[in-house]
Amino acid sequence: MDKRKTVFTTVVIGAGIMAIIDRIRLHNKVEELEEKTEDIGRCHNDFYLMQQRYNKNTDEQLATIQEEIGSVYEHFEELSKGKEDGR
């Protein structure tokens, strides 16, 4: 009977130690995932800001191109009027 109690106590203690080790590993994994999530959040914010700058630059370039196209059409109209008046 005494041997049985010793084995049972050893098994219970072993299971308790295994449970504690498992909880420690789980806690470490959670901390690691939280760090990775924060890193991803920072990367996302950096990408968002970079994309905003790129979009602003592209919008400015498009506005310049539109102005140039408008200017070219105005010159064509003036040339057309000049040719019509010259006939």
PDB file of N, CA and C in Angstrom:
ATOM      1  N   MET A   1       0.820  -1.187   0.000  1.00  0.00           N
ATOM      2  CA  MET A   1       0.000   0.000   0.000  1.00  0.00           C
ATOM      3  C   MET A   1       0.867   1.255   0.000  1.00  0.00           C
ATOM      4  N   ASP A   2       1.969   1.185   0.769  1.00  0.00           N
ATOM      5  CA  ASP A   2       2.861   2.332   0.867  1.00  0.00           C
ATOM      6  C   ASP A   2       3.515   2.616  -0.489  1.00  0.00           C
ATOM      7  N   LYS A   3       3.853   1.564  -1.205  1.00  0.00           N
ATOM      8  CA  LYS A   3       4.463   1.714  -2.529  1.00  0.00           C
ATOM      9  C   LYS A   3       3.460   2.332  -3.485  1.00  0.00           C
ATOM     10  N   ARG A   4       2.209   1.952  -3.353  1.00  0.00           N
ATOM     11  CA  ARG A   4       1.145   2.472  -4.206  1.00  0.00           C
ATOM     12  C   ARG A   4       0.969   3.973  -3.978  1.00  0.00           C
ATOM     13  N   LYS A   5       0.976   4.401  -2.736  1.00  0.00           N
ATOM     14  CA  LYS A   5       0.856   5.821  -2.414  1.00  0.00           C
ATOM     15  C   LYS A   5       2.035   6.603  -2.975  1.00  0.00           C
ATOM     16  N   THR A   6       3.212   6.046  -2.889  1.00  0.00           N
ATOM     17  CA  THR A   6       4.410   6.710  -3.393  1.00  0.00           C
ATOM     18  C   THR A   6       4.322   6.884  -4.906  1.00  0.00           C
ATOM     19  N   VAL A   7       3.906   5.834  -5.586  1.00  0.00           N
ATOM     20  CA  VAL A   7       3.757   5.903  -7.044  1.00  0.00           C
ATOM     21  C   VAL A   7       2.683   6.918  -7.413  1.00  0.00           C
ATOM     22  N   PHE A   8       1.560   6.869  -6.722  1.00  0.00           N
ATOM     23  CA  PHE A   8       0.466   7.809  -6.982  1.00  0.00           C
ATOM     24  C   PHE A   8       0.927   9.249  -6.745  1.00  0.00           C
ATOM     25  N   THR A   9       1.624   9.489  -5.643  1.00  0.00           N
ATOM     26  CA  THR A   9       2.133  10.825  -5.326  1.00  0.00           C
ATOM     27  C   THR A   9       3.121  11.290  -6.395  1.00  0.00           C
ATOM     28  N   THR A  10       3.983  10.387  -6.827  1.00  0.00           N
ATOM     29  CA  THR A  10       4.966  10.709  -7.866  1.00  0.00           C
ATOM     30  C   THR A  10       4.262  11.068  -9.174  1.00  0.00           C
ATOM     31  N   VAL A  11       3.233  10.305  -9.525  1.00  0.00           N
ATOM     32  CA  VAL A  11       2.478  10.567 -10.755  1.00  0.00           C
ATOM     33  C   VAL A  11       1.772  11.919 -10.666  1.00  0.00           C
ATOM     34  N   VAL A  12       1.172  12.197  -9.525  1.00  0.00           N
ATOM     35  CA  VAL A  12       0.468  13.471  -9.351  1.00  0.00           C
ATOM     36  C   VAL A  12       1.462  14.633  -9.432  1.00  0.00           C
ATOM     37  N   ILE A  13       2.588  14.494  -8.751  1.00  0.00           N
ATOM     38  CA  ILE A  13       3.602  15.553  -8.791  1.00  0.00           C
ATOM     39  C   ILE A  13       4.138  15.724 -10.220  1.00  0.00           C
ATOM     40  N   GLY A  14       4.399  14.612 -10.899  1.00  0.00           N
ATOM     41  CA  GLY A  14       4.875  14.658 -12.291  1.00  0.00           C
ATOM     42  C   GLY A  14       3.869  15.339 -13.200  1.00  0.00           C
ATOM     43  N   ALA A  15       2.597  14.989 -13.029  1.00  0.00           N
ATOM     44  CA  ALA A  15       1.553  15.608 -13.850  1.00  0.00           C
ATOM     45  C   ALA A  15       1.456  17.100 -13.546  1.00  0.00           C
ATOM     46  N   GLY A  16       1.609  17.452 -12.285  1.00  0.00           N
ATOM     47  CA  GLY A  16       1.577  18.873 -11.910  1.00  0.00           C
ATOM     48  C   GLY A  16       2.724  19.641 -12.531  1.00  0.00           C
ATOM     49  N   ILE A  17       3.910  19.048 -12.485  1.00  0.00           N
ATOM     50  CA  ILE A  17       5.079  19.689 -13.088  1.00  0.00           C
ATOM     51  C   ILE A  17       4.888  19.838 -14.598  1.00  0.00           C
ATOM     52  N   MET A  18       4.360  18.788 -15.238  1.00  0.00           N
ATOM     53  CA  MET A  18       4.111  18.847 -16.685  1.00  0.00           C
ATOM     54  C   MET A  18       3.091  19.943 -17.013  1.00  0.00           C
ATOM     55  N   ALA A  19       2.057  20.069 -16.164  1.00  0.00           N
ATOM     56  CA  ALA A  19       1.045  21.105 -16.390  1.00  0.00           C
ATOM     57  C   ALA A  19       1.661  22.485 -16.251  1.00  0.00           C
ATOM     58  N   ILE A  20       2.525  22.659 -15.268  1.00  0.00           N
ATOM     59  CA  ILE A  20       3.190  23.954 -15.067  1.00  0.00           C
ATOM     60  C   ILE A  20       4.091  24.279 -16.252  1.00  0.00           C
ATOM     61  N   ILE A  21       4.852  23.290 -16.702  1.00  0.00           N
ATOM     62  CA  ILE A  21       5.729  23.488 -17.867  1.00  0.00           C
ATOM     63  C   ILE A  21       4.900  23.856 -19.091  1.00  0.00           C
ATOM     64  N   ASP A  22       3.773  23.167 -19.272  1.00  0.00           N
ATOM     65  CA  ASP A  22       2.888  23.454 -20.403  1.00  0.00           C
ATOM     66  C   ASP A  22       2.353  24.881 -20.333  1.00  0.00           C
ATOM     67  N   ARG A  23       1.956  25.335 -19.157  1.00  0.00           N
ATOM     68  CA  ARG A  23       1.447  26.705 -18.981  1.00  0.00           C
ATOM     69  C   ARG A  23       2.538  27.734 -19.274  1.00  0.00           C
ATOM     70  N   ILE A  24       3.764  27.435 -18.842  1.00  0.00           N
ATOM     71  CA  ILE A  24       4.882  28.345 -19.105  1.00  0.00           C
ATOM     72  C   ILE A  24       5.124  28.451 -20.609  1.00  0.00           C
ATOM     73  N   ARG A  25       5.116  27.319 -21.289  1.00  0.00           N
ATOM     74  CA  ARG A  25       5.302  27.326 -22.752  1.00  0.00           C
ATOM     75  C   ARG A  25       4.179  28.103 -23.433  1.00  0.00           C
ATOM     76  N   LEU A  26       2.951  27.892 -22.999  1.00  0.00           N
ATOM     77  CA  LEU A  26       1.806  28.595 -23.569  1.00  0.00           C
ATOM     78  C   LEU A  26       1.940  30.098 -23.340  1.00  0.00           C
ATOM     79  N   HIS A  27       2.337  30.475 -22.133  1.00  0.00           N
ATOM     80  CA  HIS A  27       2.518  31.895 -21.817  1.00  0.00           C
ATOM     81  C   HIS A  27       3.606  32.510 -22.709  1.00  0.00           C
ATOM     82  N   ASN A  28       4.708  31.789 -22.895  1.00  0.00           N
ATOM     83  CA  ASN A  28       5.785  32.281 -23.760  1.00  0.00           C
ATOM     84  C   ASN A  28       5.318  32.444 -25.199  1.00  0.00           C
ATOM     85  N   LYS A  29       4.514  31.486 -25.686  1.00  0.00           N
ATOM     86  CA  LYS A  29       3.994  31.586 -27.047  1.00  0.00           C
ATOM     87  C   LYS A  29       3.071  32.789 -27.189  1.00  0.00           C
ATOM     88  N   VAL A  30       2.246  33.036 -26.183  1.00  0.00           N
ATOM     89  CA  VAL A  30       1.340  34.187 -26.218  1.00  0.00           C
ATOM     90  C   VAL A  30       2.143  35.485 -26.263  1.00  0.00           C
ATOM     91  N   GLU A  31       3.174  35.586 -25.429  1.00  0.00           N
ATOM     92  CA  GLU A  31       4.023  36.788 -25.442  1.00  0.00           C
ATOM     93  C   GLU A  31       4.694  36.971 -26.795  1.00  0.00           C
ATOM     94  N   GLU A  32       5.170  35.871 -27.371  1.00  0.00           N
ATOM     95  CA  GLU A  32       5.820  35.931 -28.677  1.00  0.00           C
ATOM     96  C   GLU A  32       4.831  36.400 -29.749  1.00  0.00           C
ATOM     97  N   LEU A  33       3.616  35.878 -29.696  1.00  0.00           N
ATOM     98  CA  LEU A  33       2.595  36.292 -30.667  1.00  0.00           C
ATOM     99  C   LEU A  33       2.218  37.760 -30.485  1.00  0.00           C
ATOM    100  N   GLU A  34       2.175  38.228 -29.254  1.00  0.00           N
ATOM    101  CA  GLU A  34       1.867  39.637 -29.010  1.00  0.00           C
ATOM    102  C   GLU A  34       2.960  40.526 -29.594  1.00  0.00           C
ATOM    103  N   GLU A  35       4.213  40.136 -29.434  1.00  0.00           N
ATOM    104  CA  GLU A  35       5.321  40.899 -30.005  1.00  0.00           C
ATOM    105  C   GLU A  35       5.225  40.924 -31.530  1.00  0.00           C
ATOM    106  N   LYS A  36       4.944  39.768 -32.118  1.00  0.00           N
ATOM    107  CA  LYS A  36       4.826  39.700 -33.575  1.00  0.00           C
ATOM    108  C   LYS A  36       3.659  40.550 -34.062  1.00  0.00           C
ATOM    109  N   THR A  37       2.562  40.541 -33.319  1.00  0.00           N
ATOM    110  CA  THR A  37       1.395  41.342 -33.687  1.00  0.00           C
ATOM    111  C   THR A  37       1.738  42.827 -33.649  1.00  0.00           C
ATOM    112  N   GLU A  38       2.480  43.243 -32.623  1.00  0.00           N
ATOM    113  CA  GLU A  38       2.911  44.637 -32.534  1.00  0.00           C
ATOM    114  C   GLU A  38       3.825  44.994 -33.701  1.00  0.00           C
ATOM    115  N   ASP A  39       4.743  44.098 -34.055  1.00  0.00           N
ATOM    116  CA  ASP A  39       5.633  44.339 -35.190  1.00  0.00           C
ATOM    117  C   ASP A  39       4.834  44.482 -36.483  1.00  0.00           C
ATOM    118  N   ILE A  40       3.861  43.607 -36.662  1.00  0.00           N
ATOM    119  CA  ILE A  40       3.024  43.674 -37.856  1.00  0.00           C
ATOM    120  C   ILE A  40       2.259  44.995 -37.880  1.00  0.00           C
ATOM    121  N   GLY A  41       1.760  45.424 -36.732  1.00  0.00           N
ATOM    122  CA  GLY A  41       1.042  46.695 -36.646  1.00  0.00           C
ATOM    123  C   GLY A  41       1.931  47.861 -37.034  1.00  0.00           C
ATOM    124  N   ARG A  42       3.172  47.861 -36.545  1.00  0.00           N
ATOM    125  CA  ARG A  42       4.106  48.931 -36.911  1.00  0.00           C
ATOM    126  C   ARG A  42       4.399  48.909 -38.406  1.00  0.00           C
ATOM    127  N   CYS A  43       4.613  47.724 -38.950  1.00  0.00           N
ATOM    128  CA  CYS A  43       4.876  47.607 -40.390  1.00  0.00           C
ATOM    129  C   CYS A  43       3.680  48.102 -41.192  1.00  0.00           C
ATOM    130  N   HIS A  44       2.488  47.750 -40.750  1.00  0.00           N
ATOM    131  CA  HIS A  44       1.282  48.187 -41.440  1.00  0.00           C
ATOM    132  C   HIS A  44       1.178  49.704 -41.419  1.00  0.00           C
ATOM    133  N   ASN A  45       1.436  50.316 -40.261  1.00  0.00           N
ATOM    134  CA  ASN A  45       1.370  51.770 -40.160  1.00  0.00           C
ATOM    135  C   ASN A  45       2.406  52.434 -41.058  1.00  0.00           C
ATOM    136  N   ASP A  46       3.626  51.891 -41.066  1.00  0.00           N
ATOM    137  CA  ASP A  46       4.662  52.439 -41.946  1.00  0.00           C
ATOM    138  C   ASP A  46       4.262  52.329 -43.410  1.00  0.00           C
ATOM    139  N   PHE A  47       3.722  51.164 -43.783  1.00  0.00           N
ATOM    140  CA  PHE A  47       3.291  50.973 -45.162  1.00  0.00           C
ATOM    141  C   PHE A  47       2.168  51.938 -45.523  1.00  0.00           C
ATOM    142  N   TYR A  48       1.232  52.130 -44.598  1.00  0.00           N
ATOM    143  CA  TYR A  48       0.108  53.033 -44.835  1.00  0.00           C
ATOM    144  C   TYR A  48       0.606  54.458 -45.078  1.00  0.00           C
ATOM    145  N   LEU A  49       1.532  54.908 -44.242  1.00  0.00           N
ATOM    146  CA  LEU A  49       2.076  56.258 -44.410  1.00  0.00           C
ATOM    147  C   LEU A  49       2.835  56.391 -45.730  1.00  0.00           C
ATOM    148  N   MET A  50       3.617  55.368 -46.060  1.00  0.00           N
ATOM    149  CA  MET A  50       4.359  55.385 -47.319  1.00  0.00           C
ATOM    150  C   MET A  50       3.392  55.416 -48.515  1.00  0.00           C
ATOM    151  N   GLN A  51       2.318  54.627 -48.431  1.00  0.00           N
ATOM    152  CA  GLN A  51       1.345  54.589 -49.509  1.00  0.00           C
ATOM    153  C   GLN A  51       0.632  55.933 -49.644  1.00  0.00           C
ATOM    154  N   GLN A  52       0.349  56.591 -48.522  1.00  0.00           N
ATOM    155  CA  GLN A  52      -0.270  57.913 -48.566  1.00  0.00           C
ATOM    156  C   GLN A  52       0.624  58.899 -49.302  1.00  0.00           C
ATOM    157  N   ARG A  53       1.917  58.895 -48.982  1.00  0.00           N
ATOM    158  CA  ARG A  53       2.869  59.792 -49.660  1.00  0.00           C
ATOM    159  C   ARG A  53       2.923  59.485 -51.146  1.00  0.00           C
ATOM    160  N   TYR A  54       2.956  58.201 -51.481  1.00  0.00           N
ATOM    161  CA  TYR A  54       3.012  57.803 -52.890  1.00  0.00           C
ATOM    162  C   TYR A  54       1.751  58.264 -53.618  1.00  0.00           C
ATOM    163  N   ASN A  55       0.592  58.073 -52.992  1.00  0.00           N
ATOM    164  CA  ASN A  55      -0.668  58.483 -53.615  1.00  0.00           C
ATOM    165  C   ASN A  55      -0.714  59.993 -53.814  1.00  0.00           C
ATOM    166  N   LYS A  56      -0.247  60.745 -52.828  1.00  0.00           N
ATOM    167  CA  LYS A  56      -0.231  62.204 -52.946  1.00  0.00           C
ATOM    168  C   LYS A  56       0.664  62.630 -54.098  1.00  0.00           C
ATOM    169  N   ASN A  57       1.841  62.013 -54.180  1.00  0.00           N
ATOM    170  CA  ASN A  57       2.774  62.317 -55.263  1.00  0.00           C
ATOM    171  C   ASN A  57       2.158  61.974 -56.620  1.00  0.00           C
ATOM    172  N   THR A  58       1.511  60.834 -56.699  1.00  0.00           N
ATOM    173  CA  THR A  58       0.867  60.421 -57.954  1.00  0.00           C
ATOM    174  C   THR A  58      -0.252  61.379 -58.325  1.00  0.00           C
ATOM    175  N   ASP A  59      -1.047  61.799 -57.352  1.00  0.00           N
ATOM    176  CA  ASP A  59      -2.120  62.756 -57.617  1.00  0.00           C
ATOM    177  C   ASP A  59      -1.561  64.075 -58.144  1.00  0.00           C
ATOM    178  N   GLU A  60      -0.463  64.527 -57.558  1.00  0.00           N
ATOM    179  CA  GLU A  60       0.166  65.762 -58.027  1.00  0.00           C
ATOM    180  C   GLU A  60       0.671  65.609 -59.459  1.00  0.00           C
ATOM    181  N   GLN A  61       1.268  64.464 -59.753  1.00  0.00           N
ATOM    182  CA  GLN A  61       1.753  64.215 -61.115  1.00  0.00           C
ATOM    183  C   GLN A  61       0.596  64.171 -62.100  1.00  0.00           C
ATOM    184  N   LEU A  62      -0.502  63.530 -61.710  1.00  0.00           N
ATOM    185  CA  LEU A  62      -1.673  63.479 -62.595  1.00  0.00           C
ATOM    186  C   LEU A  62      -2.246  64.871 -62.847  1.00  0.00           C
ATOM    187  N   ALA A  63      -2.289  65.698 -61.813  1.00  0.00           N
ATOM    188  CA  ALA A  63      -2.795  67.060 -61.970  1.00  0.00           C
ATOM    189  C   ALA A  63      -1.913  67.834 -62.940  1.00  0.00           C
ATOM    190  N   THR A  64      -0.602  67.676 -62.831  1.00  0.00           N
ATOM    191  CA  THR A  64       0.325  68.350 -63.745  1.00  0.00           C
ATOM    192  C   THR A  64       0.108  67.875 -65.179  1.00  0.00           C
ATOM    193  N   ILE A  65      -0.044  66.583 -65.348  1.00  0.00           N
ATOM    194  CA  ILE A  65      -0.276  66.024 -66.694  1.00  0.00           C
ATOM    195  C   ILE A  65      -1.594  66.542 -67.260  1.00  0.00           C
ATOM    196  N   GLN A  66      -2.632  66.604 -66.433  1.00  0.00           N
ATOM    197  CA  GLN A  66      -3.923  67.122 -66.905  1.00  0.00           C
ATOM    198  C   GLN A  66      -3.803  68.577 -67.327  1.00  0.00           C
ATOM    199  N   GLU A  67      -3.060  69.365 -66.573  1.00  0.00           N
ATOM    200  CA  GLU A  67      -2.859  70.762 -66.945  1.00  0.00           C
ATOM    201  C   GLU A  67      -2.130  70.871 -68.274  1.00  0.00           C
ATOM    202  N   GLU A  68      -1.118  70.030 -68.454  1.00  0.00           N
ATOM    203  CA  GLU A  68      -0.369  70.037 -69.717  1.00  0.00           C
ATOM    204  C   GLU A  68      -1.272  69.657 -70.891  1.00  0.00           C
ATOM    205  N   ILE A  69      -2.106  68.654 -70.697  1.00  0.00           N
ATOM    206  CA  ILE A  69      -3.018  68.224 -71.762  1.00  0.00           C
ATOM    207  C   ILE A  69      -3.992  69.354 -72.088  1.00  0.00           C
ATOM    208  N   GLY A  70      -4.521  69.999 -71.041  1.00  0.00           N
ATOM    209  CA  GLY A  70      -5.429  71.125 -71.265  1.00  0.00           C
ATOM    210  C   GLY A  70      -4.749  72.236 -72.037  1.00  0.00           C
ATOM    211  N   SER A  71      -3.501  72.512 -71.698  1.00  0.00           N
ATOM    212  CA  SER A  71      -2.735  73.548 -72.391  1.00  0.00           C
ATOM    213  C   SER A  71      -2.541  73.187 -73.861  1.00  0.00           C
ATOM    214  N   VAL A  72      -2.231  71.928 -74.131  1.00  0.00           N
ATOM    215  CA  VAL A  72      -2.042  71.478 -75.521  1.00  0.00           C
ATOM    216  C   VAL A  72      -3.335  71.647 -76.312  1.00  0.00           C
ATOM    217  N   TYR A  73      -4.468  71.268 -75.723  1.00  0.00           N
ATOM    218  CA  TYR A  73      -5.747  71.431 -76.420  1.00  0.00           C
ATOM    219  C   TYR A  73      -6.042  72.906 -76.690  1.00  0.00           C
ATOM    220  N   GLU A  74      -5.704  73.776 -75.746  1.00  0.00           N
ATOM    221  CA  GLU A  74      -5.908  75.207 -75.970  1.00  0.00           C
ATOM    222  C   GLU A  74      -5.060  75.692 -77.142  1.00  0.00           C
ATOM    223  N   HIS A  75      -3.830  75.216 -77.223  1.00  0.00           N
ATOM    224  CA  HIS A  75      -2.969  75.602 -78.353  1.00  0.00           C
ATOM    225  C   HIS A  75      -3.538  75.090 -79.671  1.00  0.00           C
ATOM    226  N   PHE A  76      -4.056  73.860 -79.666  1.00  0.00           N
ATOM    227  CA  PHE A  76      -4.680  73.324 -80.887  1.00  0.00           C
ATOM    228  C   PHE A  76      -5.864  74.192 -81.315  1.00  0.00           C
ATOM    229  N   GLU A  77      -6.688  74.609 -80.344  1.00  0.00           N
ATOM    230  CA  GLU A  77      -7.840  75.454 -80.654  1.00  0.00           C
ATOM    231  C   GLU A  77      -7.391  76.785 -81.250  1.00  0.00           C
ATOM    232  N   GLU A  78      -6.350  77.378 -80.670  1.00  0.00           N
ATOM    233  CA  GLU A  78      -5.844  78.646 -81.193  1.00  0.00           C
ATOM    234  C   GLU A  78      -5.304  78.475 -82.605  1.00  0.00           C
ATOM    235  N   LEU A  79      -4.589  77.357 -82.821  1.00  0.00           N
ATOM    236  CA  LEU A  79      -4.067  77.107 -84.171  1.00  0.00           C
ATOM    237  C   LEU A  79      -5.193  76.871 -85.161  1.00  0.00           C
ATOM    238  N   SER A  80      -6.232  76.155 -84.717  1.00  0.00           N
ATOM    239  CA  SER A  80      -7.381  75.900 -85.607  1.00  0.00           C
ATOM    240  C   SER A  80      -8.083  77.201 -85.977  1.00  0.00           C
ATOM    241  N   LYS A  81      -8.276  78.074 -85.003  1.00  0.00           N
ATOM    242  CA  LYS A  81      -8.919  79.369 -85.244  1.00  0.00           C
ATOM    243  C   LYS A  81      -8.054  80.204 -86.183  1.00  0.00           C
ATOM    244  N   GLY A  82      -6.761  80.146 -85.976  1.00  0.00           N
ATOM    245  CA  GLY A  82      -5.852  80.912 -86.841  1.00  0.00           C
ATOM    246  C   GLY A  82      -5.909  80.435 -88.280  1.00  0.00           C
ATOM    247  N   LYS A  83      -6.010  79.138 -88.480  1.00  0.00           N
ATOM    248  CA  LYS A  83      -6.095  78.595 -89.831  1.00  0.00           C
ATOM    249  C   LYS A  83      -7.430  78.955 -90.471  1.00  0.00           C
ATOM    250  N   GLU A  84      -8.505  78.923 -89.676  1.00  0.00           N
ATOM    251  CA  GLU A  84      -9.824  79.255 -90.194  1.00  0.00           C
ATOM    252  C   GLU A  84      -9.885  80.738 -90.586  1.00  0.00           C
ATOM    253  N   ASP A  85      -9.278  81.591 -89.768  1.00  0.00           N
ATOM    254  CA  ASP A  85      -9.252  83.014 -90.065  1.00  0.00           C
ATOM    255  C   ASP A  85      -8.367  83.326 -91.251  1.00  0.00           C
ATOM    256  N   GLY A  86      -7.351  82.550 -91.469  1.00  0.00           N
ATOM    257  CA  GLY A  86      -6.414  82.757 -92.564  1.00  0.00           C
ATOM    258  C   GLY A  86      -6.954  82.299 -93.887  1.00  0.00           C
ATOM    259  N   ARG A  87      -7.981  81.533 -93.906  1.00  0.00           N
ATOM    260  CA  ARG A  87      -8.519  81.021 -95.182  1.00  0.00           C
ATOM    261  C   ARG A  87      -9.291  82.007 -95.895  1.00  0.00           C
TER     262      ARG A  87
END
